[in-house]
Amino acid sequence: MSTVTNDHIRSNLHRELVESGKRDQLVELLRARLIESGWRDELKTYTKEKIQAREKMPSVDEAIREVSPHARSSIPDNIKAELLAKISAFVEDNL
């Protein structure tokens, strides 16, 4: 499949996710699961430690750049799997 076709499919699926309200449901599910798992609290602690370890207060953009890789890699696998399953089901239902 060409990149143009993939981009078109991705764009259409994103539009369907937004229009159906499913995107908002998935975002809320992700937020709830991350809080339940303790990920959010752990990330707050990690971020505070990173900022305090610096001699100079970083800008918000600098802090985000520094913390983002850890934030992404520390999301629990079961949460990733749950969201992937829900997205896959949506794709199957809408292709």
PDB file of N, CA and C in Angstrom:
ATOM      1  N   MET A   1       0.830  -1.168   0.000  1.00  0.00           N
ATOM      2  CA  MET A   1       0.000   0.000   0.000  1.00  0.00           C
ATOM      3  C   MET A   1       0.881   1.241   0.000  1.00  0.00           C
ATOM      4  N   SER A   2       0.491   2.229  -0.751  1.00  0.00           N
ATOM      5  CA  SER A   2       1.307   3.432  -0.839  1.00  0.00           C
ATOM      6  C   SER A   2       1.128   4.319   0.388  1.00  0.00           C
ATOM      7  N   THR A   3       2.069   5.217   0.558  1.00  0.00           N
ATOM      8  CA  THR A   3       2.015   6.149   1.678  1.00  0.00           C
ATOM      9  C   THR A   3       0.777   7.029   1.579  1.00  0.00           C
ATOM     10  N   VAL A   4       0.432   7.436   0.360  1.00  0.00           N
ATOM     11  CA  VAL A   4      -0.745   8.280   0.158  1.00  0.00           C
ATOM     12  C   VAL A   4      -1.998   7.534   0.610  1.00  0.00           C
ATOM     13  N   THR A   5      -2.099   6.265   0.261  1.00  0.00           N
ATOM     14  CA  THR A   5      -3.253   5.464   0.651  1.00  0.00           C
ATOM     15  C   THR A   5      -3.286   5.288   2.167  1.00  0.00           C
ATOM     16  N   ASN A   6      -2.138   4.988   2.766  1.00  0.00           N
ATOM     17  CA  ASN A   6      -2.069   4.855   4.219  1.00  0.00           C
ATOM     18  C   ASN A   6      -2.478   6.149   4.912  1.00  0.00           C
ATOM     19  N   ASP A   7      -1.989   7.277   4.415  1.00  0.00           N
ATOM     20  CA  ASP A   7      -2.339   8.567   4.993  1.00  0.00           C
ATOM     21  C   ASP A   7      -3.839   8.831   4.872  1.00  0.00           C
ATOM     22  N   HIS A   8      -4.410   8.459   3.735  1.00  0.00           N
ATOM     23  CA  HIS A   8      -5.850   8.653   3.503  1.00  0.00           C
ATOM     24  C   HIS A   8      -6.663   7.786   4.466  1.00  0.00           C
ATOM     25  N   ILE A   9      -6.265   6.529   4.618  1.00  0.00           N
ATOM     26  CA  ILE A   9      -6.956   5.617   5.537  1.00  0.00           C
ATOM     27  C   ILE A   9      -6.839   6.133   6.962  1.00  0.00           C
ATOM     28  N   ARG A  10      -5.628   6.520   7.352  1.00  0.00           N
ATOM     29  CA  ARG A  10      -5.403   7.042   8.704  1.00  0.00           C
ATOM     30  C   ARG A  10      -6.259   8.287   8.944  1.00  0.00           C
ATOM     31  N   SER A  11      -6.313   9.167   7.965  1.00  0.00           N
ATOM     32  CA  SER A  11      -7.101  10.392   8.093  1.00  0.00           C
ATOM     33  C   SER A  11      -8.586  10.072   8.248  1.00  0.00           C
ATOM     34  N   ASN A  12      -9.076   9.136   7.445  1.00  0.00           N
ATOM     35  CA  ASN A  12     -10.491   8.749   7.532  1.00  0.00           C
ATOM     36  C   ASN A  12     -10.813   8.093   8.868  1.00  0.00           C
ATOM     37  N   LEU A  13      -9.931   7.224   9.337  1.00  0.00           N
ATOM     38  CA  LEU A  13     -10.153   6.579  10.634  1.00  0.00           C
ATOM     39  C   LEU A  13     -10.140   7.597  11.767  1.00  0.00           C
ATOM     40  N   HIS A  14      -9.214   8.541  11.695  1.00  0.00           N
ATOM     41  CA  HIS A  14      -9.157   9.585  12.725  1.00  0.00           C
ATOM     42  C   HIS A  14     -10.452  10.393  12.720  1.00  0.00           C
ATOM     43  N   ARG A  15     -10.921  10.736  11.534  1.00  0.00           N
ATOM     44  CA  ARG A  15     -12.175  11.489  11.427  1.00  0.00           C
ATOM     45  C   ARG A  15     -13.324  10.695  12.037  1.00  0.00           C
ATOM     46  N   GLU A  16     -13.387   9.405  11.739  1.00  0.00           N
ATOM     47  CA  GLU A  16     -14.436   8.538  12.294  1.00  0.00           C
ATOM     48  C   GLU A  16     -14.326   8.448  13.816  1.00  0.00           C
ATOM     49  N   LEU A  17     -13.091   8.327  14.323  1.00  0.00           N
ATOM     50  CA  LEU A  17     -12.889   8.288  15.779  1.00  0.00           C
ATOM     51  C   LEU A  17     -13.435   9.555  16.436  1.00  0.00           C
ATOM     52  N   VAL A  18     -13.126  10.697  15.847  1.00  0.00           N
ATOM     53  CA  VAL A  18     -13.558  11.969  16.410  1.00  0.00           C
ATOM     54  C   VAL A  18     -15.071  12.133  16.290  1.00  0.00           C
ATOM     55  N   GLU A  19     -15.606  11.897  15.088  1.00  0.00           N
ATOM     56  CA  GLU A  19     -17.037  12.106  14.858  1.00  0.00           C
ATOM     57  C   GLU A  19     -17.904  11.166  15.679  1.00  0.00           C
ATOM     58  N   SER A  20     -17.441   9.961  15.898  1.00  0.00           N
ATOM     59  CA  SER A  20     -18.230   8.984  16.652  1.00  0.00           C
ATOM     60  C   SER A  20     -18.139   9.200  18.163  1.00  0.00           C
ATOM     61  N   GLY A  21     -17.183  10.014  18.590  1.00  0.00           N
ATOM     62  CA  GLY A  21     -16.968  10.219  20.010  1.00  0.00           C
ATOM     63  C   GLY A  21     -16.062   9.166  20.630  1.00  0.00           C
ATOM     64  N   LYS A  22     -15.638   8.200  19.828  1.00  0.00           N
ATOM     65  CA  LYS A  22     -14.799   7.112  20.329  1.00  0.00           C
ATOM     66  C   LYS A  22     -13.427   7.625  20.767  1.00  0.00           C
ATOM     67  N   ARG A  23     -12.886   8.633  20.084  1.00  0.00           N
ATOM     68  CA  ARG A  23     -11.580   9.175  20.462  1.00  0.00           C
ATOM     69  C   ARG A  23     -11.627   9.710  21.884  1.00  0.00           C
ATOM     70  N   ASP A  24     -12.661  10.480  22.202  1.00  0.00           N
ATOM     71  CA  ASP A  24     -12.793  11.016  23.556  1.00  0.00           C
ATOM     72  C   ASP A  24     -12.926   9.898  24.582  1.00  0.00           C
ATOM     73  N   GLN A  25     -13.662   8.840  24.233  1.00  0.00           N
ATOM     74  CA  GLN A  25     -13.808   7.690  25.130  1.00  0.00           C
ATOM     75  C   GLN A  25     -12.461   7.022  25.379  1.00  0.00           C
ATOM     76  N   LEU A  26     -11.661   6.868  24.325  1.00  0.00           N
ATOM     77  CA  LEU A  26     -10.348   6.242  24.461  1.00  0.00           C
ATOM     78  C   LEU A  26      -9.402   7.107  25.289  1.00  0.00           C
ATOM     79  N   VAL A  27      -9.448   8.407  25.080  1.00  0.00           N
ATOM     80  CA  VAL A  27      -8.605   9.317  25.859  1.00  0.00           C
ATOM     81  C   VAL A  27      -8.980   9.233  27.331  1.00  0.00           C
ATOM     82  N   GLU A  28     -10.263   9.210  27.622  1.00  0.00           N
ATOM     83  CA  GLU A  28     -10.717   9.125  29.015  1.00  0.00           C
ATOM     84  C   GLU A  28     -10.341   7.777  29.631  1.00  0.00           C
ATOM     85  N   LEU A  29     -10.463   6.708  28.859  1.00  0.00           N
ATOM     86  CA  LEU A  29     -10.058   5.387  29.338  1.00  0.00           C
ATOM     87  C   LEU A  29      -8.565   5.378  29.658  1.00  0.00           C
ATOM     88  N   LEU A  30      -7.760   5.923  28.761  1.00  0.00           N
ATOM     89  CA  LEU A  30      -6.314   5.990  28.981  1.00  0.00           C
ATOM     90  C   LEU A  30      -6.008   6.781  30.249  1.00  0.00           C
ATOM     91  N   ARG A  31      -6.626   7.925  30.390  1.00  0.00           N
ATOM     92  CA  ARG A  31      -6.402   8.764  31.570  1.00  0.00           C
ATOM     93  C   ARG A  31      -6.745   7.995  32.848  1.00  0.00           C
ATOM     94  N   ALA A  32      -7.887   7.344  32.858  1.00  0.00           N
ATOM     95  CA  ALA A  32      -8.323   6.600  34.047  1.00  0.00           C
ATOM     96  C   ALA A  32      -7.372   5.450  34.359  1.00  0.00           C
ATOM     97  N   ARG A  33      -6.961   4.702  33.334  1.00  0.00           N
ATOM     98  CA  ARG A  33      -6.066   3.557  33.560  1.00  0.00           C
ATOM     99  C   ARG A  33      -4.692   4.008  34.060  1.00  0.00           C
ATOM    100  N   LEU A  34      -4.196   5.121  33.536  1.00  0.00           N
ATOM    101  CA  LEU A  34      -2.892   5.617  33.981  1.00  0.00           C
ATOM    102  C   LEU A  34      -2.945   6.065  35.438  1.00  0.00           C
ATOM    103  N   ILE A  35      -4.038   6.697  35.828  1.00  0.00           N
ATOM    104  CA  ILE A  35      -4.193   7.117  37.222  1.00  0.00           C
ATOM    105  C   ILE A  35      -4.321   5.891  38.125  1.00  0.00           C
ATOM    106  N   GLU A  36      -5.169   4.921  37.717  1.00  0.00           N
ATOM    107  CA  GLU A  36      -5.368   3.701  38.510  1.00  0.00           C
ATOM    108  C   GLU A  36      -4.064   2.929  38.725  1.00  0.00           C
ATOM    109  N   SER A  37      -3.223   2.930  37.715  1.00  0.00           N
ATOM    110  CA  SER A  37      -1.980   2.154  37.780  1.00  0.00           C
ATOM    111  C   SER A  37      -0.884   2.829  38.605  1.00  0.00           C
ATOM    112  N   GLY A  38      -1.087   4.097  38.927  1.00  0.00           N
ATOM    113  CA  GLY A  38      -0.064   4.832  39.661  1.00  0.00           C
ATOM    114  C   GLY A  38       0.950   5.509  38.743  1.00  0.00           C
ATOM    115  N   TRP A  39       0.789   5.344  37.445  1.00  0.00           N
ATOM    116  CA  TRP A  39       1.715   5.916  36.469  1.00  0.00           C
ATOM    117  C   TRP A  39       1.801   7.437  36.612  1.00  0.00           C
ATOM    118  N   ARG A  40       0.661   8.062  36.766  1.00  0.00           N
ATOM    119  CA  ARG A  40       0.626   9.521  36.854  1.00  0.00           C
ATOM    120  C   ARG A  40       1.419  10.023  38.062  1.00  0.00           C
ATOM    121  N   ASP A  41       1.200   9.398  39.218  1.00  0.00           N
ATOM    122  CA  ASP A  41       1.925   9.811  40.425  1.00  0.00           C
ATOM    123  C   ASP A  41       3.424   9.556  40.282  1.00  0.00           C
ATOM    124  N   GLU A  42       3.778   8.414  39.700  1.00  0.00           N
ATOM    125  CA  GLU A  42       5.191   8.092  39.485  1.00  0.00           C
ATOM    126  C   GLU A  42       5.831   9.119  38.549  1.00  0.00           C
ATOM    127  N   LEU A  43       5.095   9.515  37.513  1.00  0.00           N
ATOM    128  CA  LEU A  43       5.636  10.495  36.571  1.00  0.00           C
ATOM    129  C   LEU A  43       5.797  11.860  37.227  1.00  0.00           C
ATOM    130  N   LYS A  44       4.865  12.246  38.081  1.00  0.00           N
ATOM    131  CA  LYS A  44       5.001  13.511  38.818  1.00  0.00           C
ATOM    132  C   LYS A  44       6.274  13.495  39.666  1.00  0.00           C
ATOM    133  N   THR A  45       6.489  12.405  40.385  1.00  0.00           N
ATOM    134  CA  THR A  45       7.681  12.277  41.230  1.00  0.00           C
ATOM    135  C   THR A  45       8.947  12.329  40.386  1.00  0.00           C
ATOM    136  N   TYR A  46       8.961  11.570  39.283  1.00  0.00           N
ATOM    137  CA  TYR A  46      10.104  11.543  38.377  1.00  0.00           C
ATOM    138  C   TYR A  46      10.406  12.949  37.849  1.00  0.00           C
ATOM    139  N   THR A  47       9.358  13.660  37.436  1.00  0.00           N
ATOM    140  CA  THR A  47       9.521  14.999  36.876  1.00  0.00           C
ATOM    141  C   THR A  47      10.076  15.964  37.920  1.00  0.00           C
ATOM    142  N   LYS A  48       9.538  15.918  39.124  1.00  0.00           N
ATOM    143  CA  LYS A  48      10.033  16.790  40.199  1.00  0.00           C
ATOM    144  C   LYS A  48      11.509  16.525  40.466  1.00  0.00           C
ATOM    145  N   GLU A  49      11.888  15.248  40.521  1.00  0.00           N
ATOM    146  CA  GLU A  49      13.289  14.899  40.764  1.00  0.00           C
ATOM    147  C   GLU A  49      14.192  15.412  39.655  1.00  0.00           C
ATOM    148  N   LYS A  50      13.759  15.264  38.417  1.00  0.00           N
ATOM    149  CA  LYS A  50      14.556  15.755  37.288  1.00  0.00           C
ATOM    150  C   LYS A  50      14.745  17.271  37.357  1.00  0.00           C
ATOM    151  N   ILE A  51      13.677  17.976  37.676  1.00  0.00           N
ATOM    152  CA  ILE A  51      13.744  19.437  37.741  1.00  0.00           C
ATOM    153  C   ILE A  51      14.637  19.877  38.900  1.00  0.00           C
ATOM    154  N   GLN A  52      14.487  19.240  40.056  1.00  0.00           N
ATOM    155  CA  GLN A  52      15.281  19.608  41.230  1.00  0.00           C
ATOM    156  C   GLN A  52      16.761  19.294  41.047  1.00  0.00           C
ATOM    157  N   ALA A  53      17.071  18.319  40.208  1.00  0.00           N
ATOM    158  CA  ALA A  53      18.465  17.942  39.985  1.00  0.00           C
ATOM    159  C   ALA A  53      19.197  18.942  39.089  1.00  0.00           C
ATOM    160  N   ARG A  54      18.463  19.787  38.436  1.00  0.00           N
ATOM    161  CA  ARG A  54      19.086  20.779  37.558  1.00  0.00           C
ATOM    162  C   ARG A  54      19.477  22.020  38.345  1.00  0.00           C
ATOM    163  N   GLU A  55      20.537  22.648  37.902  1.00  0.00           N
ATOM    164  CA  GLU A  55      20.989  23.878  38.561  1.00  0.00           C
ATOM    165  C   GLU A  55      20.057  25.037  38.248  1.00  0.00           C
ATOM    166  N   LYS A  56      19.520  25.017  37.030  1.00  0.00           N
ATOM    167  CA  LYS A  56      18.666  26.109  36.570  1.00  0.00           C
ATOM    168  C   LYS A  56      17.284  25.543  36.260  1.00  0.00           C
ATOM    169  N   MET A  57      16.254  26.273  36.609  1.00  0.00           N
ATOM    170  CA  MET A  57      14.883  25.843  36.341  1.00  0.00           C
ATOM    171  C   MET A  57      14.674  25.747  34.824  1.00  0.00           C
ATOM    172  N   PRO A  58      14.292  24.563  34.326  1.00  0.00           N
ATOM    173  CA  PRO A  58      14.079  24.423  32.885  1.00  0.00           C
ATOM    174  C   PRO A  58      12.759  25.071  32.464  1.00  0.00           C
ATOM    175  N   SER A  59      12.670  25.413  31.191  1.00  0.00           N
ATOM    176  CA  SER A  59      11.395  25.889  30.660  1.00  0.00           C
ATOM    177  C   SER A  59      10.447  24.688  30.603  1.00  0.00           C
ATOM    178  N   VAL A  60       9.191  24.956  30.416  1.00  0.00           N
ATOM    179  CA  VAL A  60       8.215  23.875  30.301  1.00  0.00           C
ATOM    180  C   VAL A  60       8.577  22.979  29.123  1.00  0.00           C
ATOM    181  N   ASP A  61       8.936  23.568  28.006  1.00  0.00           N
ATOM    182  CA  ASP A  61       9.304  22.782  26.819  1.00  0.00           C
ATOM    183  C   ASP A  61      10.512  21.894  27.087  1.00  0.00           C
ATOM    184  N   GLU A  62      11.507  22.431  27.792  1.00  0.00           N
ATOM    185  CA  GLU A  62      12.692  21.638  28.125  1.00  0.00           C
ATOM    186  C   GLU A  62      12.330  20.476  29.049  1.00  0.00           C
ATOM    187  N   ALA A  63      11.493  20.747  30.030  1.00  0.00           N
ATOM    188  CA  ALA A  63      11.075  19.688  30.957  1.00  0.00           C
ATOM    189  C   ALA A  63      10.310  18.596  30.215  1.00  0.00           C
ATOM    190  N   ILE A  64       9.430  18.992  29.320  1.00  0.00           N
ATOM    191  CA  ILE A  64       8.657  18.010  28.540  1.00  0.00           C
ATOM    192  C   ILE A  64       9.589  17.170  27.678  1.00  0.00           C
ATOM    193  N   ARG A  65      10.537  17.817  27.002  1.00  0.00           N
ATOM    194  CA  ARG A  65      11.491  17.075  26.169  1.00  0.00           C
ATOM    195  C   ARG A  65      12.292  16.075  26.996  1.00  0.00           C
ATOM    196  N   GLU A  66      12.655  16.455  28.203  1.00  0.00           N
ATOM    197  CA  GLU A  66      13.469  15.591  29.052  1.00  0.00           C
ATOM    198  C   GLU A  66      12.662  14.422  29.627  1.00  0.00           C
ATOM    199  N   VAL A  67      11.424  14.660  29.961  1.00  0.00           N
ATOM    200  CA  VAL A  67      10.607  13.653  30.646  1.00  0.00           C
ATOM    201  C   VAL A  67       9.836  12.748  29.677  1.00  0.00           C
ATOM    202  N   SER A  68       9.529  13.233  28.489  1.00  0.00           N
ATOM    203  CA  SER A  68       8.684  12.479  27.554  1.00  0.00           C
ATOM    204  C   SER A  68       9.166  11.061  27.239  1.00  0.00           C
ATOM    205  N   PRO A  69      10.437  10.847  26.964  1.00  0.00           N
ATOM    206  CA  PRO A  69      10.862   9.464  26.677  1.00  0.00           C
ATOM    207  C   PRO A  69      10.562   8.504  27.836  1.00  0.00           C
ATOM    208  N   HIS A  70      10.824   8.960  29.061  1.00  0.00           N
ATOM    209  CA  HIS A  70      10.528   8.120  30.227  1.00  0.00           C
ATOM    210  C   HIS A  70       9.019   7.905  30.357  1.00  0.00           C
ATOM    211  N   ALA A  71       8.247   8.957  30.140  1.00  0.00           N
ATOM    212  CA  ALA A  71       6.790   8.859  30.258  1.00  0.00           C
ATOM    213  C   ALA A  71       6.237   7.820  29.295  1.00  0.00           C
ATOM    214  N   ARG A  72       6.674   7.883  28.045  1.00  0.00           N
ATOM    215  CA  ARG A  72       6.192   6.930  27.042  1.00  0.00           C
ATOM    216  C   ARG A  72       6.615   5.501  27.363  1.00  0.00           C
ATOM    217  N   SER A  73       7.861   5.336  27.742  1.00  0.00           N
ATOM    218  CA  SER A  73       8.377   3.979  27.954  1.00  0.00           C
ATOM    219  C   SER A  73       7.868   3.348  29.249  1.00  0.00           C
ATOM    220  N   SER A  74       7.349   4.147  30.157  1.00  0.00           N
ATOM    221  CA  SER A  74       6.901   3.595  31.433  1.00  0.00           C
ATOM    222  C   SER A  74       5.401   3.303  31.484  1.00  0.00           C
ATOM    223  N   ILE A  75       4.693   3.526  30.397  1.00  0.00           N
ATOM    224  CA  ILE A  75       3.269   3.172  30.371  1.00  0.00           C
ATOM    225  C   ILE A  75       3.172   1.651  30.470  1.00  0.00           C
ATOM    226  N   PRO A  76       2.391   1.145  31.419  1.00  0.00           N
ATOM    227  CA  PRO A  76       2.290  -0.307  31.597  1.00  0.00           C
ATOM    228  C   PRO A  76       1.805  -1.023  30.334  1.00  0.00           C
ATOM    229  N   ASP A  77       2.412  -2.175  30.059  1.00  0.00           N
ATOM    230  CA  ASP A  77       2.077  -2.944  28.860  1.00  0.00           C
ATOM    231  C   ASP A  77       0.609  -3.330  28.799  1.00  0.00           C
ATOM    232  N   ASN A  78      -0.003  -3.642  29.945  1.00  0.00           N
ATOM    233  CA  ASN A  78      -1.409  -4.043  29.931  1.00  0.00           C
ATOM    234  C   ASN A  78      -2.315  -2.890  29.476  1.00  0.00           C
ATOM    235  N   ILE A  79      -1.930  -1.661  29.788  1.00  0.00           N
ATOM    236  CA  ILE A  79      -2.712  -0.497  29.348  1.00  0.00           C
ATOM    237  C   ILE A  79      -2.544  -0.308  27.845  1.00  0.00           C
ATOM    238  N   LYS A  80      -1.320  -0.438  27.357  1.00  0.00           N
ATOM    239  CA  LYS A  80      -1.072  -0.346  25.913  1.00  0.00           C
ATOM    240  C   LYS A  80      -1.887  -1.402  25.175  1.00  0.00           C
ATOM    241  N   ALA A  81      -1.876  -2.634  25.698  1.00  0.00           N
ATOM    242  CA  ALA A  81      -2.591  -3.739  25.053  1.00  0.00           C
ATOM    243  C   ALA A  81      -4.096  -3.486  25.041  1.00  0.00           C
ATOM    244  N   GLU A  82      -4.627  -2.982  26.128  1.00  0.00           N
ATOM    245  CA  GLU A  82      -6.062  -2.709  26.204  1.00  0.00           C
ATOM    246  C   GLU A  82      -6.467  -1.660  25.175  1.00  0.00           C
ATOM    247  N   LEU A  83      -5.717  -0.581  25.096  1.00  0.00           N
ATOM    248  CA  LEU A  83      -6.042   0.455  24.127  1.00  0.00           C
ATOM    249  C   LEU A  83      -5.869  -0.035  22.695  1.00  0.00           C
ATOM    250  N   LEU A  84      -4.807  -0.788  22.452  1.00  0.00           N
ATOM    251  CA  LEU A  84      -4.588  -1.324  21.113  1.00  0.00           C
ATOM    252  C   LEU A  84      -5.744  -2.226  20.699  1.00  0.00           C
ATOM    253  N   ALA A  85      -6.235  -3.052  21.614  1.00  0.00           N
ATOM    254  CA  ALA A  85      -7.361  -3.935  21.316  1.00  0.00           C
ATOM    255  C   ALA A  85      -8.607  -3.118  20.974  1.00  0.00           C
ATOM    256  N   LYS A  86      -8.860  -2.065  21.715  1.00  0.00           N
ATOM    257  CA  LYS A  86     -10.041  -1.225  21.455  1.00  0.00           C
ATOM    258  C   LYS A  86      -9.908  -0.485  20.121  1.00  0.00           C
ATOM    259  N   ILE A  87      -8.704  -0.008  19.815  1.00  0.00           N
ATOM    260  CA  ILE A  87      -8.481   0.677  18.533  1.00  0.00           C
ATOM    261  C   ILE A  87      -8.601  -0.318  17.386  1.00  0.00           C
ATOM    262  N   SER A  88      -8.037  -1.496  17.544  1.00  0.00           N
ATOM    263  CA  SER A  88      -8.130  -2.533  16.505  1.00  0.00           C
ATOM    264  C   SER A  88      -9.573  -2.914  16.244  1.00  0.00           C
ATOM    265  N   ALA A  89     -10.372  -3.048  17.293  1.00  0.00           N
ATOM    266  CA  ALA A  89     -11.790  -3.375  17.128  1.00  0.00           C
ATOM    267  C   ALA A  89     -12.499  -2.253  16.372  1.00  0.00           C
ATOM    268  N   PHE A  90     -12.160  -1.014  16.683  1.00  0.00           N
ATOM    269  CA  PHE A  90     -12.776   0.122  15.987  1.00  0.00           C
ATOM    270  C   PHE A  90     -12.402   0.085  14.505  1.00  0.00           C
ATOM    271  N   VAL A  91     -11.131  -0.183  14.222  1.00  0.00           N
ATOM    272  CA  VAL A  91     -10.673  -0.242  12.832  1.00  0.00           C
ATOM    273  C   VAL A  91     -11.417  -1.355  12.086  1.00  0.00           C
ATOM    274  N   GLU A  92     -11.512  -2.526  12.701  1.00  0.00           N
ATOM    275  CA  GLU A  92     -12.219  -3.656  12.067  1.00  0.00           C
ATOM    276  C   GLU A  92     -13.679  -3.303  11.768  1.00  0.00           C
ATOM    277  N   ASP A  93     -14.321  -2.613  12.693  1.00  0.00           N
ATOM    278  CA  ASP A  93     -15.723  -2.251  12.529  1.00  0.00           C
ATOM    279  C   ASP A  93     -15.933  -1.157  11.491  1.00  0.00           C
ATOM    280  N   ASN A  94     -14.880  -0.396  11.195  1.00  0.00           N
ATOM    281  CA  ASN A  94     -15.043   0.766  10.318  1.00  0.00           C
ATOM    282  C   ASN A  94     -14.301   0.679   9.009  1.00  0.00           C
ATOM    283  N   LEU A  95     -13.779  -0.482   8.669  1.00  0.00           N
ATOM    284  CA  LEU A  95     -13.114  -0.632   7.365  1.00  0.00           C
ATOM    285  C   LEU A  95     -14.056  -1.180   6.343  1.00  0.00           C
TER     286      LEU A  95
END
